[in-house]
């Protein structure tokens, strides 16, 4: 695997984590009305969870396209592992 592909995978992993956190936070703050588990974490909401998942998936699709151009063979397996599929 080329060095550029390895570096791109590390950057993609970090970016997806950041997008997941920001999407969940922003959506939860703006639209959060229904708590997931009020006793454990009163600020977590189902709306924040949905925002987190949707932001993650939208950026995952974009990054998968960019990674596929770098390294066709192993990218599908890598993105499946990153997304828990």
Protein backbone atom coordinates (compact mmCIF):
# COMPACT_ATOMS: atom_id res chain seq x y z
CA UNK A 1 0.00 0.00 0.00
CA UNK A 2 1.40 3.41 -0.92
CA UNK A 3 2.37 5.81 1.84
CA UNK A 4 -0.17 8.37 0.61
CA UNK A 5 -2.98 5.85 1.08
CA UNK A 6 -1.88 5.06 4.64
CA UNK A 7 -1.71 8.73 5.57
CA UNK A 8 -5.10 9.37 3.95
CA UNK A 9 -6.66 6.58 6.02
CA UNK A 10 -5.36 8.05 9.27
CA UNK A 11 -6.62 11.51 8.31
CA UNK A 12 -9.99 10.05 7.28
CA UNK A 13 -10.34 8.27 10.61
CA UNK A 14 -9.62 11.48 12.53
CA UNK A 15 -11.94 13.58 10.34
CA UNK A 16 -14.80 11.12 10.69
CA UNK A 17 -14.45 11.14 14.46
CA UNK A 18 -14.50 14.94 14.51
CA UNK A 19 -17.52 15.10 12.18
CA UNK A 20 -19.36 12.56 14.31
CA UNK A 21 -18.78 14.57 17.50
CA UNK A 22 -19.61 17.95 15.98
CA UNK A 23 -22.74 16.62 14.26
CA UNK A 24 -24.05 15.09 17.46
CA UNK A 25 -23.26 18.15 19.57
CA UNK A 26 -24.72 20.72 17.16
CA UNK A 27 -27.88 18.75 16.48
CA UNK A 28 -28.37 17.91 20.14
CA UNK A 29 -27.97 21.52 21.25
CA UNK A 30 -30.27 22.90 18.58
CA UNK A 31 -32.98 20.22 18.42
CA UNK A 32 -32.46 17.91 21.43
CA UNK A 33 -35.73 17.34 23.26
CA UNK A 34 -35.86 13.62 24.07
CA UNK A 35 -33.15 12.32 26.45
CA UNK A 36 -31.62 8.90 25.81
CA UNK A 37 -30.82 7.98 29.41
CA UNK A 38 -31.49 10.88 31.75
CA UNK A 39 -30.01 9.10 34.79
CA UNK A 40 -26.66 8.41 33.11
CA UNK A 41 -26.18 11.49 30.97
CA UNK A 42 -28.94 14.11 31.06
CA UNK A 43 -27.61 16.10 28.11
CA UNK A 44 -27.57 13.23 25.58
CA UNK A 45 -30.60 13.20 23.27
CA UNK A 46 -31.99 11.02 20.50
CA UNK A 47 -31.84 14.00 18.17
CA UNK A 48 -28.13 14.41 18.88
CA UNK A 49 -27.60 10.73 18.16
CA UNK A 50 -29.42 11.06 14.82
CA UNK A 51 -27.36 14.14 13.93
CA UNK A 52 -24.17 12.30 14.80
CA UNK A 53 -25.03 9.33 12.59
CA UNK A 54 -26.19 11.47 9.66
CA UNK A 55 -23.10 13.69 9.74
CA UNK A 56 -20.84 10.65 9.98
CA UNK A 57 -22.52 8.92 7.02
CA UNK A 58 -22.48 12.00 4.80
CA UNK A 59 -18.76 12.53 5.31
CA UNK A 60 -18.07 8.81 5.10
CA UNK A 61 -19.51 8.73 1.59
CA UNK A 62 -17.34 11.66 0.53
CA UNK A 63 -14.15 10.28 2.08
CA UNK A 64 -14.74 6.81 0.65
CA UNK A 65 -14.77 8.30 -2.82
CA UNK A 66 -11.50 10.11 -2.17
CA UNK A 67 -9.83 7.02 -0.69
CA UNK A 68 -11.01 4.81 -3.54
CA UNK A 69 -9.13 6.98 -5.98
CA UNK A 70 -5.93 6.46 -3.97
CA UNK A 71 -6.12 2.72 -3.38
CA UNK A 72 -8.80 0.64 -5.10
CA UNK A 73 -8.12 -2.74 -3.55
CA UNK A 74 -8.32 -2.41 0.22
CA UNK A 75 -10.45 0.70 0.67
CA UNK A 76 -13.80 -1.09 0.79
CA UNK A 77 -12.62 -3.33 3.60
CA UNK A 78 -11.11 -0.41 5.51
CA UNK A 79 -14.24 1.76 5.32
CA UNK A 80 -16.40 -1.19 6.40
CA UNK A 81 -14.22 -1.68 9.47
CA UNK A 82 -14.26 2.06 10.25
CA UNK A 83 -18.08 2.18 10.08
CA UNK A 84 -18.65 -1.00 12.04
CA UNK A 85 -20.14 -2.90 9.11
